[in-house]
Amino acid sequence: MNRYVRVTSGHSHLYPGLRLQPAPLKKGAISLPDRNTTYVSIEYSDDNTVVAELRMLDHQHGELLLPAYRTARGTAVAARTWPVTIETAGKATAWKLGKARLT
């Protein structure tokens, strides 16, 4: 089953250590993914939006597959795979990014 989640970056790009706050994209979607593919709409601070895939490796770790894109200013950003750690505190969930590798 595919799931759809929206996150807001607060920056025009991603970087190691960044914590993304997931929110449902539509009613009924969940913000904590399972082992299935989750499509992630990443909204950047420059009003750019990119759709990536989150593939879970276990209940706490996954990989965010980000396609190549351009920032609103035209800067090219290469496709990368970002390791993700799911952090929970009470009802709050965050996705902490590790060091990316080019894909």
PDB file of N, CA and C in Angstrom:
ATOM      1  N   MET A   1       0.833  -1.180   0.000  1.00  0.00           N
ATOM      2  CA  MET A   1       0.000   0.000   0.000  1.00  0.00           C
ATOM      3  C   MET A   1       0.881   1.247   0.000  1.00  0.00           C
ATOM      4  N   ASN A   2       0.654   2.155  -0.919  1.00  0.00           N
ATOM      5  CA  ASN A   2       1.412   3.400  -0.981  1.00  0.00           C
ATOM      6  C   ASN A   2       0.783   4.436  -0.057  1.00  0.00           C
ATOM      7  N   ARG A   3       1.627   5.272   0.504  1.00  0.00           N
ATOM      8  CA  ARG A   3       1.175   6.324   1.405  1.00  0.00           C
ATOM      9  C   ARG A   3       1.754   7.649   0.923  1.00  0.00           C
ATOM     10  N   TYR A   4       1.068   8.729   1.278  1.00  0.00           N
ATOM     11  CA  TYR A   4       1.487  10.058   0.853  1.00  0.00           C
ATOM     12  C   TYR A   4       1.630  10.942   2.077  1.00  0.00           C
ATOM     13  N   VAL A   5       2.791  11.599   2.188  1.00  0.00           N
ATOM     14  CA  VAL A   5       3.092  12.438   3.345  1.00  0.00           C
ATOM     15  C   VAL A   5       3.687  13.751   2.846  1.00  0.00           C
ATOM     16  N   ARG A   6       3.394  14.826   3.552  1.00  0.00           N
ATOM     17  CA  ARG A   6       3.947  16.145   3.239  1.00  0.00           C
ATOM     18  C   ARG A   6       4.913  16.540   4.356  1.00  0.00           C
ATOM     19  N   VAL A   7       6.063  17.097   3.969  1.00  0.00           N
ATOM     20  CA  VAL A   7       6.997  17.669   4.944  1.00  0.00           C
ATOM     21  C   VAL A   7       7.407  19.057   4.463  1.00  0.00           C
ATOM     22  N   THR A   8       7.735  19.912   5.406  1.00  0.00           N
ATOM     23  CA  THR A   8       8.220  21.250   5.089  1.00  0.00           C
ATOM     24  C   THR A   8       9.655  21.343   5.566  1.00  0.00           C
ATOM     25  N   SER A   9      10.560  21.743   4.665  1.00  0.00           N
ATOM     26  CA  SER A   9      11.980  21.781   4.984  1.00  0.00           C
ATOM     27  C   SER A   9      12.383  23.017   5.776  1.00  0.00           C
ATOM     28  N   GLY A  10      11.865  24.182   5.433  1.00  0.00           N
ATOM     29  CA  GLY A  10      12.333  25.407   6.075  1.00  0.00           C
ATOM     30  C   GLY A  10      13.622  25.924   5.449  1.00  0.00           C
ATOM     31  N   HIS A  11      14.151  25.196   4.473  1.00  0.00           N
ATOM     32  CA  HIS A  11      15.372  25.553   3.753  1.00  0.00           C
ATOM     33  C   HIS A  11      15.146  25.267   2.272  1.00  0.00           C
ATOM     34  N   SER A  12      16.078  25.716   1.422  1.00  0.00           N
ATOM     35  CA  SER A  12      15.945  25.454  -0.019  1.00  0.00           C
ATOM     36  C   SER A  12      16.610  24.139  -0.413  1.00  0.00           C
ATOM     37  N   HIS A  13      17.137  23.415   0.573  1.00  0.00           N
ATOM     38  CA  HIS A  13      17.807  22.144   0.319  1.00  0.00           C
ATOM     39  C   HIS A  13      17.799  21.318   1.605  1.00  0.00           C
ATOM     40  N   LEU A  14      18.171  20.055   1.506  1.00  0.00           N
ATOM     41  CA  LEU A  14      18.296  19.189   2.673  1.00  0.00           C
ATOM     42  C   LEU A  14      19.752  19.098   3.086  1.00  0.00           C
ATOM     43  N   TYR A  15      19.997  18.736   4.351  1.00  0.00           N
ATOM     44  CA  TYR A  15      21.370  18.589   4.839  1.00  0.00           C
ATOM     45  C   TYR A  15      21.381  17.606   6.012  1.00  0.00           C
ATOM     46  N   PRO A  16      22.557  16.989   6.297  1.00  0.00           N
ATOM     47  CA  PRO A  16      22.638  16.029   7.401  1.00  0.00           C
ATOM     48  C   PRO A  16      22.262  16.696   8.729  1.00  0.00           C
ATOM     49  N   GLY A  17      21.481  15.980   9.524  1.00  0.00           N
ATOM     50  CA  GLY A  17      21.056  16.484  10.821  1.00  0.00           C
ATOM     51  C   GLY A  17      19.717  17.207  10.794  1.00  0.00           C
ATOM     52  N   LEU A  18      19.230  17.541   9.597  1.00  0.00           N
ATOM     53  CA  LEU A  18      17.944  18.219   9.469  1.00  0.00           C
ATOM     54  C   LEU A  18      16.827  17.297   9.956  1.00  0.00           C
ATOM     55  N   ARG A  19      15.906  17.861  10.714  1.00  0.00           N
ATOM     56  CA  ARG A  19      14.735  17.117  11.169  1.00  0.00           C
ATOM     57  C   ARG A  19      13.516  17.620  10.406  1.00  0.00           C
ATOM     58  N   LEU A  20      12.875  16.707   9.694  1.00  0.00           N
ATOM     59  CA  LEU A  20      11.671  17.022   8.940  1.00  0.00           C
ATOM     60  C   LEU A  20      10.454  16.599   9.752  1.00  0.00           C
ATOM     61  N   GLN A  21       9.441  17.443   9.770  1.00  0.00           N
ATOM     62  CA  GLN A  21       8.203  17.155  10.500  1.00  0.00           C
ATOM     63  C   GLN A  21       7.146  16.690   9.507  1.00  0.00           C
ATOM     64  N   PRO A  22       6.805  15.403   9.503  1.00  0.00           N
ATOM     65  CA  PRO A  22       5.803  14.914   8.555  1.00  0.00           C
ATOM     66  C   PRO A  22       4.388  15.301   8.975  1.00  0.00           C
ATOM     67  N   ALA A  23       3.551  15.503   7.977  1.00  0.00           N
ATOM     68  CA  ALA A  23       2.132  15.775   8.189  1.00  0.00           C
ATOM     69  C   ALA A  23       1.364  15.077   7.082  1.00  0.00           C
ATOM     70  N   PRO A  24       0.188  14.581   7.371  1.00  0.00           N
ATOM     71  CA  PRO A  24      -0.592  13.916   6.321  1.00  0.00           C
ATOM     72  C   PRO A  24      -0.877  14.857   5.152  1.00  0.00           C
ATOM     73  N   LEU A  25      -0.763  14.339   3.947  1.00  0.00           N
ATOM     74  CA  LEU A  25      -1.042  15.103   2.738  1.00  0.00           C
ATOM     75  C   LEU A  25      -2.535  15.146   2.463  1.00  0.00           C
ATOM     76  N   LYS A  26      -3.220  14.087   2.824  1.00  0.00           N
ATOM     77  CA  LYS A  26      -4.665  14.050   2.633  1.00  0.00           C
ATOM     78  C   LYS A  26      -5.274  13.274   3.793  1.00  0.00           C
ATOM     79  N   LYS A  27      -6.533  13.461   4.009  1.00  0.00           N
ATOM     80  CA  LYS A  27      -7.215  12.793   5.107  1.00  0.00           C
ATOM     81  C   LYS A  27      -7.041  11.283   4.985  1.00  0.00           C
ATOM     82  N   GLY A  28      -6.659  10.654   6.087  1.00  0.00           N
ATOM     83  CA  GLY A  28      -6.488   9.210   6.094  1.00  0.00           C
ATOM     84  C   GLY A  28      -5.044   8.773   5.900  1.00  0.00           C
ATOM     85  N   ALA A  29      -4.162   9.671   5.418  1.00  0.00           N
ATOM     86  CA  ALA A  29      -2.744   9.318   5.277  1.00  0.00           C
ATOM     87  C   ALA A  29      -2.114   9.348   6.664  1.00  0.00           C
ATOM     88  N   ILE A  30      -1.044   8.599   6.839  1.00  0.00           N
ATOM     89  CA  ILE A  30      -0.387   8.594   8.138  1.00  0.00           C
ATOM     90  C   ILE A  30       0.983   9.238   8.026  1.00  0.00           C
ATOM     91  N   SER A  31       1.520   9.730   9.141  1.00  0.00           N
ATOM     92  CA  SER A  31       2.809  10.409   9.100  1.00  0.00           C
ATOM     93  C   SER A  31       3.963   9.508   9.512  1.00  0.00           C
ATOM     94  N   LEU A  32       3.697   8.347  10.063  1.00  0.00           N
ATOM     95  CA  LEU A  32       4.753   7.401  10.402  1.00  0.00           C
ATOM     96  C   LEU A  32       4.660   6.231   9.442  1.00  0.00           C
ATOM     97  N   PRO A  33       5.601   6.117   8.499  1.00  0.00           N
ATOM     98  CA  PRO A  33       5.491   5.090   7.462  1.00  0.00           C
ATOM     99  C   PRO A  33       5.781   3.689   7.985  1.00  0.00           C
ATOM    100  N   ASP A  34       5.346   2.710   7.232  1.00  0.00           N
ATOM    101  CA  ASP A  34       5.673   1.326   7.541  1.00  0.00           C
ATOM    102  C   ASP A  34       6.670   0.837   6.492  1.00  0.00           C
ATOM    103  N   ARG A  35       6.752  -0.455   6.256  1.00  0.00           N
ATOM    104  CA  ARG A  35       7.738  -0.999   5.319  1.00  0.00           C
ATOM    105  C   ARG A  35       7.427  -0.733   3.858  1.00  0.00           C
ATOM    106  N   ASN A  36       6.261  -0.239   3.562  1.00  0.00           N
ATOM    107  CA  ASN A  36       5.896   0.052   2.182  1.00  0.00           C
ATOM    108  C   ASN A  36       6.462   1.392   1.755  1.00  0.00           C
ATOM    109  N   THR A  37       6.432   1.649   0.470  1.00  0.00           N
ATOM    110  CA  THR A  37       6.909   2.922  -0.051  1.00  0.00           C
ATOM    111  C   THR A  37       5.958   4.044   0.345  1.00  0.00           C
ATOM    112  N   THR A  38       6.531   5.136   0.792  1.00  0.00           N
ATOM    113  CA  THR A  38       5.772   6.335   1.109  1.00  0.00           C
ATOM    114  C   THR A  38       6.239   7.435   0.171  1.00  0.00           C
ATOM    115  N   TYR A  39       5.323   8.070  -0.533  1.00  0.00           N
ATOM    116  CA  TYR A  39       5.671   9.195  -1.384  1.00  0.00           C
ATOM    117  C   TYR A  39       5.624  10.456  -0.533  1.00  0.00           C
ATOM    118  N   VAL A  40       6.704  11.228  -0.609  1.00  0.00           N
ATOM    119  CA  VAL A  40       6.867  12.386   0.258  1.00  0.00           C
ATOM    120  C   VAL A  40       6.913  13.653  -0.579  1.00  0.00           C
ATOM    121  N   SER A  41       6.011  14.563  -0.303  1.00  0.00           N
ATOM    122  CA  SER A  41       6.019  15.873  -0.940  1.00  0.00           C
ATOM    123  C   SER A  41       6.835  16.801  -0.031  1.00  0.00           C
ATOM    124  N   ILE A  42       8.032  17.180  -0.504  1.00  0.00           N
ATOM    125  CA  ILE A  42       8.914  18.048   0.291  1.00  0.00           C
ATOM    126  C   ILE A  42       8.713  19.485  -0.175  1.00  0.00           C
ATOM    127  N   GLU A  43       8.265  20.336   0.739  1.00  0.00           N
ATOM    128  CA  GLU A  43       8.039  21.742   0.432  1.00  0.00           C
ATOM    129  C   GLU A  43       9.206  22.548   1.005  1.00  0.00           C
ATOM    130  N   TYR A  44       9.950  23.191   0.114  1.00  0.00           N
ATOM    131  CA  TYR A  44      11.123  23.968   0.513  1.00  0.00           C
ATOM    132  C   TYR A  44      10.750  25.425   0.794  1.00  0.00           C
ATOM    133  N   SER A  45      11.638  26.132   1.472  1.00  0.00           N
ATOM    134  CA  SER A  45      11.380  27.528   1.853  1.00  0.00           C
ATOM    135  C   SER A  45      11.292  28.464   0.655  1.00  0.00           C
ATOM    136  N   ASP A  46      11.842  28.052  -0.497  1.00  0.00           N
ATOM    137  CA  ASP A  46      11.797  28.900  -1.698  1.00  0.00           C
ATOM    138  C   ASP A  46      10.554  28.611  -2.547  1.00  0.00           C
ATOM    139  N   ASP A  47       9.554  27.963  -1.944  1.00  0.00           N
ATOM    140  CA  ASP A  47       8.289  27.612  -2.592  1.00  0.00           C
ATOM    141  C   ASP A  47       8.428  26.512  -3.641  1.00  0.00           C
ATOM    142  N   ASN A  48       9.544  25.833  -3.667  1.00  0.00           N
ATOM    143  CA  ASN A  48       9.749  24.701  -4.561  1.00  0.00           C
ATOM    144  C   ASN A  48       9.222  23.441  -3.865  1.00  0.00           C
ATOM    145  N   THR A  49       8.647  22.533  -4.624  1.00  0.00           N
ATOM    146  CA  THR A  49       8.167  21.261  -4.084  1.00  0.00           C
ATOM    147  C   THR A  49       8.726  20.127  -4.922  1.00  0.00           C
ATOM    148  N   VAL A  50       9.257  19.094  -4.243  1.00  0.00           N
ATOM    149  CA  VAL A  50       9.815  17.927  -4.912  1.00  0.00           C
ATOM    150  C   VAL A  50       9.178  16.689  -4.285  1.00  0.00           C
ATOM    151  N   VAL A  51       8.833  15.710  -5.111  1.00  0.00           N
ATOM    152  CA  VAL A  51       8.278  14.459  -4.597  1.00  0.00           C
ATOM    153  C   VAL A  51       9.397  13.420  -4.546  1.00  0.00           C
ATOM    154  N   ALA A  52       9.594  12.835  -3.371  1.00  0.00           N
ATOM    155  CA  ALA A  52      10.620  11.819  -3.140  1.00  0.00           C
ATOM    156  C   ALA A  52       9.926  10.537  -2.676  1.00  0.00           C
ATOM    157  N   GLU A  53      10.721   9.481  -2.513  1.00  0.00           N
ATOM    158  CA  GLU A  53      10.201   8.216  -1.985  1.00  0.00           C
ATOM    159  C   GLU A  53      10.916   7.895  -0.691  1.00  0.00           C
ATOM    160  N   LEU A  54      10.158   7.471   0.299  1.00  0.00           N
ATOM    161  CA  LEU A  54      10.730   6.991   1.555  1.00  0.00           C
ATOM    162  C   LEU A  54      10.511   5.493   1.614  1.00  0.00           C
ATOM    163  N   ARG A  55      11.597   4.741   1.698  1.00  0.00           N
ATOM    164  CA  ARG A  55      11.525   3.282   1.807  1.00  0.00           C
ATOM    165  C   ARG A  55      12.051   2.893   3.186  1.00  0.00           C
ATOM    166  N   MET A  56      11.196   2.260   3.957  1.00  0.00           N
ATOM    167  CA  MET A  56      11.573   1.877   5.310  1.00  0.00           C
ATOM    168  C   MET A  56      12.387   0.586   5.305  1.00  0.00           C
ATOM    169  N   LEU A  57      13.457   0.570   6.107  1.00  0.00           N
ATOM    170  CA  LEU A  57      14.307  -0.609   6.255  1.00  0.00           C
ATOM    171  C   LEU A  57      13.866  -1.435   7.458  1.00  0.00           C
ATOM    172  N   ASP A  58      13.412  -0.752   8.487  1.00  0.00           N
ATOM    173  CA  ASP A  58      12.799  -1.369   9.667  1.00  0.00           C
ATOM    174  C   ASP A  58      11.873  -0.315  10.270  1.00  0.00           C
ATOM    175  N   HIS A  59      11.362  -0.536  11.474  1.00  0.00           N
ATOM    176  CA  HIS A  59      10.372   0.389  12.034  1.00  0.00           C
ATOM    177  C   HIS A  59      10.946   1.763  12.395  1.00  0.00           C
ATOM    178  N   GLN A  60      12.270   1.902  12.433  1.00  0.00           N
ATOM    179  CA  GLN A  60      12.886   3.165  12.854  1.00  0.00           C
ATOM    180  C   GLN A  60      13.847   3.772  11.823  1.00  0.00           C
ATOM    181  N   HIS A  61      14.197   3.031  10.776  1.00  0.00           N
ATOM    182  CA  HIS A  61      15.195   3.484   9.806  1.00  0.00           C
ATOM    183  C   HIS A  61      14.686   3.320   8.374  1.00  0.00           C
ATOM    184  N   GLY A  62      15.030   4.292   7.539  1.00  0.00           N
ATOM    185  CA  GLY A  62      14.633   4.233   6.138  1.00  0.00           C
ATOM    186  C   GLY A  62      15.600   5.001   5.265  1.00  0.00           C
ATOM    187  N   GLU A  63      15.252   5.088   3.995  1.00  0.00           N
ATOM    188  CA  GLU A  63      16.031   5.851   3.021  1.00  0.00           C
ATOM    189  C   GLU A  63      15.085   6.755   2.246  1.00  0.00           C
ATOM    190  N   LEU A  64      15.446   8.018   2.139  1.00  0.00           N
ATOM    191  CA  LEU A  64      14.679   8.987   1.365  1.00  0.00           C
ATOM    192  C   LEU A  64      15.368   9.133   0.015  1.00  0.00           C
ATOM    193  N   LEU A  65      14.687   8.708  -1.050  1.00  0.00           N
ATOM    194  CA  LEU A  65      15.246   8.768  -2.400  1.00  0.00           C
ATOM    195  C   LEU A  65      14.769  10.062  -3.048  1.00  0.00           C
ATOM    196  N   LEU A  66      15.660  11.030  -3.115  1.00  0.00           N
ATOM    197  CA  LEU A  66      15.340  12.353  -3.629  1.00  0.00           C
ATOM    198  C   LEU A  66      15.835  12.474  -5.067  1.00  0.00           C
ATOM    199  N   PRO A  67      14.949  12.789  -6.007  1.00  0.00           N
ATOM    200  CA  PRO A  67      15.390  12.946  -7.400  1.00  0.00           C
ATOM    201  C   PRO A  67      16.144  14.262  -7.574  1.00  0.00           C
ATOM    202  N   ALA A  68      16.847  14.385  -8.679  1.00  0.00           N
ATOM    203  CA  ALA A  68      17.517  15.657  -8.999  1.00  0.00           C
ATOM    204  C   ALA A  68      16.452  16.730  -9.202  1.00  0.00           C
ATOM    205  N   TYR A  69      16.778  17.958  -8.805  1.00  0.00           N
ATOM    206  CA  TYR A  69      15.845  19.073  -8.978  1.00  0.00           C
ATOM    207  C   TYR A  69      16.630  20.383  -9.023  1.00  0.00           C
ATOM    208  N   ARG A  70      15.946  21.459  -9.278  1.00  0.00           N
ATOM    209  CA  ARG A  70      16.535  22.799  -9.256  1.00  0.00           C
ATOM    210  C   ARG A  70      15.820  23.622  -8.201  1.00  0.00           C
ATOM    211  N   THR A  71      16.597  24.408  -7.461  1.00  0.00           N
ATOM    212  CA  THR A  71      15.989  25.322  -6.501  1.00  0.00           C
ATOM    213  C   THR A  71      15.285  26.433  -7.270  1.00  0.00           C
ATOM    214  N   ALA A  72      14.520  27.253  -6.574  1.00  0.00           N
ATOM    215  CA  ALA A  72      13.814  28.357  -7.233  1.00  0.00           C
ATOM    216  C   ALA A  72      14.790  29.328  -7.897  1.00  0.00           C
ATOM    217  N   ARG A  73      16.010  29.421  -7.391  1.00  0.00           N
ATOM    218  CA  ARG A  73      17.038  30.292  -7.991  1.00  0.00           C
ATOM    219  C   ARG A  73      17.784  29.624  -9.130  1.00  0.00           C
ATOM    220  N   GLY A  74      17.451  28.361  -9.419  1.00  0.00           N
ATOM    221  CA  GLY A  74      18.069  27.674 -10.542  1.00  0.00           C
ATOM    222  C   GLY A  74      19.267  26.814 -10.214  1.00  0.00           C
ATOM    223  N   THR A  75      19.619  26.685  -8.937  1.00  0.00           N
ATOM    224  CA  THR A  75      20.745  25.842  -8.547  1.00  0.00           C
ATOM    225  C   THR A  75      20.377  24.380  -8.713  1.00  0.00           C
ATOM    226  N   ALA A  76      21.213  23.635  -9.440  1.00  0.00           N
ATOM    227  CA  ALA A  76      20.970  22.207  -9.652  1.00  0.00           C
ATOM    228  C   ALA A  76      21.357  21.427  -8.402  1.00  0.00           C
ATOM    229  N   VAL A  77      20.485  20.541  -7.981  1.00  0.00           N
ATOM    230  CA  VAL A  77      20.744  19.658  -6.840  1.00  0.00           C
ATOM    231  C   VAL A  77      20.680  18.231  -7.371  1.00  0.00           C
ATOM    232  N   ALA A  78      21.771  17.490  -7.193  1.00  0.00           N
ATOM    233  CA  ALA A  78      21.864  16.121  -7.712  1.00  0.00           C
ATOM    234  C   ALA A  78      20.966  15.168  -6.929  1.00  0.00           C
ATOM    235  N   ALA A  79      20.561  14.087  -7.584  1.00  0.00           N
ATOM    236  CA  ALA A  79      19.776  13.051  -6.914  1.00  0.00           C
ATOM    237  C   ALA A  79      20.612  12.441  -5.796  1.00  0.00           C
ATOM    238  N   ARG A  80      19.969  12.213  -4.667  1.00  0.00           N
ATOM    239  CA  ARG A  80      20.660  11.663  -3.497  1.00  0.00           C
ATOM    240  C   ARG A  80      19.744  10.683  -2.774  1.00  0.00           C
ATOM    241  N   THR A  81      20.383   9.795  -2.018  1.00  0.00           N
ATOM    242  CA  THR A  81      19.665   8.919  -1.097  1.00  0.00           C
ATOM    243  C   THR A  81      20.078   9.324   0.306  1.00  0.00           C
ATOM    244  N   TRP A  82      19.086   9.707   1.097  1.00  0.00           N
ATOM    245  CA  TRP A  82      19.310  10.178   2.465  1.00  0.00           C
ATOM    246  C   TRP A  82      18.897   9.109   3.469  1.00  0.00           C
ATOM    247  N   PRO A  83      19.804   8.692   4.373  1.00  0.00           N
ATOM    248  CA  PRO A  83      19.365   7.805   5.453  1.00  0.00           C
ATOM    249  C   PRO A  83      18.460   8.600   6.402  1.00  0.00           C
ATOM    250  N   VAL A  84      17.407   7.955   6.872  1.00  0.00           N
ATOM    251  CA  VAL A  84      16.430   8.604   7.747  1.00  0.00           C
ATOM    252  C   VAL A  84      16.265   7.777   9.013  1.00  0.00           C
ATOM    253  N   THR A  85      16.276   8.465  10.155  1.00  0.00           N
ATOM    254  CA  THR A  85      15.949   7.840  11.434  1.00  0.00           C
ATOM    255  C   THR A  85      14.642   8.451  11.915  1.00  0.00           C
ATOM    256  N   ILE A  86      13.675   7.611  12.237  1.00  0.00           N
ATOM    257  CA  ILE A  86      12.388   8.081  12.734  1.00  0.00           C
ATOM    258  C   ILE A  86      12.521   8.306  14.234  1.00  0.00           C
ATOM    259  N   GLU A  87      12.248   9.532  14.656  1.00  0.00           N
ATOM    260  CA  GLU A  87      12.296   9.881  16.079  1.00  0.00           C
ATOM    261  C   GLU A  87      10.890  10.210  16.550  1.00  0.00           C
ATOM    262  N   THR A  88      10.510   9.666  17.695  1.00  0.00           N
ATOM    263  CA  THR A  88       9.197   9.976  18.250  1.00  0.00           C
ATOM    264  C   THR A  88       9.353  10.450  19.688  1.00  0.00           C
ATOM    265  N   ALA A  89       8.547  11.435  20.048  1.00  0.00           N
ATOM    266  CA  ALA A  89       8.476  11.947  21.413  1.00  0.00           C
ATOM    267  C   ALA A  89       6.999  12.214  21.690  1.00  0.00           C
ATOM    268  N   GLY A  90       6.385  11.332  22.450  1.00  0.00           N
ATOM    269  CA  GLY A  90       4.947  11.443  22.657  1.00  0.00           C
ATOM    270  C   GLY A  90       4.229  11.199  21.344  1.00  0.00           C
ATOM    271  N   LYS A  91       3.401  12.162  20.917  1.00  0.00           N
ATOM    272  CA  LYS A  91       2.699  12.040  19.643  1.00  0.00           C
ATOM    273  C   LYS A  91       3.457  12.694  18.496  1.00  0.00           C
ATOM    274  N   ALA A  92       4.549  13.394  18.791  1.00  0.00           N
ATOM    275  CA  ALA A  92       5.324  14.084  17.753  1.00  0.00           C
ATOM    276  C   ALA A  92       6.275  13.110  17.066  1.00  0.00           C
ATOM    277  N   THR A  93       6.401  13.264  15.742  1.00  0.00           N
ATOM    278  CA  THR A  93       7.292  12.439  14.943  1.00  0.00           C
ATOM    279  C   THR A  93       8.189  13.351  14.117  1.00  0.00           C
ATOM    280  N   ALA A  94       9.472  13.014  14.033  1.00  0.00           N
ATOM    281  CA  ALA A  94      10.408  13.745  13.178  1.00  0.00           C
ATOM    282  C   ALA A  94      11.246  12.728  12.422  1.00  0.00           C
ATOM    283  N   TRP A  95      11.671  13.106  11.215  1.00  0.00           N
ATOM    284  CA  TRP A  95      12.581  12.295  10.417  1.00  0.00           C
ATOM    285  C   TRP A  95      13.928  12.994  10.426  1.00  0.00           C
ATOM    286  N   LYS A  96      14.928  12.397  11.071  1.00  0.00           N
ATOM    287  CA  LYS A  96      16.267  12.983  11.119  1.00  0.00           C
ATOM    288  C   LYS A  96      17.097  12.436   9.958  1.00  0.00           C
ATOM    289  N   LEU A  97      17.682  13.337   9.166  1.00  0.00           N
ATOM    290  CA  LEU A  97      18.475  12.938   8.013  1.00  0.00           C
ATOM    291  C   LEU A  97      19.915  12.680   8.391  1.00  0.00           C
ATOM    292  N   GLY A  98      20.491  11.633   7.826  1.00  0.00           N
ATOM    293  CA  GLY A  98      21.910  11.339   7.961  1.00  0.00           C
ATOM    294  C   GLY A  98      22.665  11.895   6.773  1.00  0.00           C
ATOM    295  N   LYS A  99      23.885  11.411   6.565  1.00  0.00           N
ATOM    296  CA  LYS A  99      24.710  11.878   5.436  1.00  0.00           C
ATOM    297  C   LYS A  99      24.257  11.180   4.154  1.00  0.00           C
ATOM    298  N   ALA A 100      23.948  11.992   3.138  1.00  0.00           N
ATOM    299  CA  ALA A 100      23.430  11.464   1.874  1.00  0.00           C
ATOM    300  C   ALA A 100      24.546  10.916   0.991  1.00  0.00           C
ATOM    301  N   ARG A 101      24.136  10.043   0.074  1.00  0.00           N
ATOM    302  CA  ARG A 101      25.052   9.567  -0.965  1.00  0.00           C
ATOM    303  C   ARG A 101      24.400   9.880  -2.312  1.00  0.00           C
ATOM    304  N   LEU A 102      25.233  10.186  -3.291  1.00  0.00           N
ATOM    305  CA  LEU A 102      24.719  10.466  -4.630  1.00  0.00           C
ATOM    306  C   LEU A 102      24.142   9.203  -5.240  1.00  0.00           C
ATOM    307  N   THR A 103      23.063   9.346  -6.009  1.00  0.00           N
ATOM    308  CA  THR A 103      22.453   8.179  -6.639  1.00  0.00           C
ATOM    309  C   THR A 103      22.442   8.335  -8.136  1.00  0.00           C
TER     310      THR A 103
END
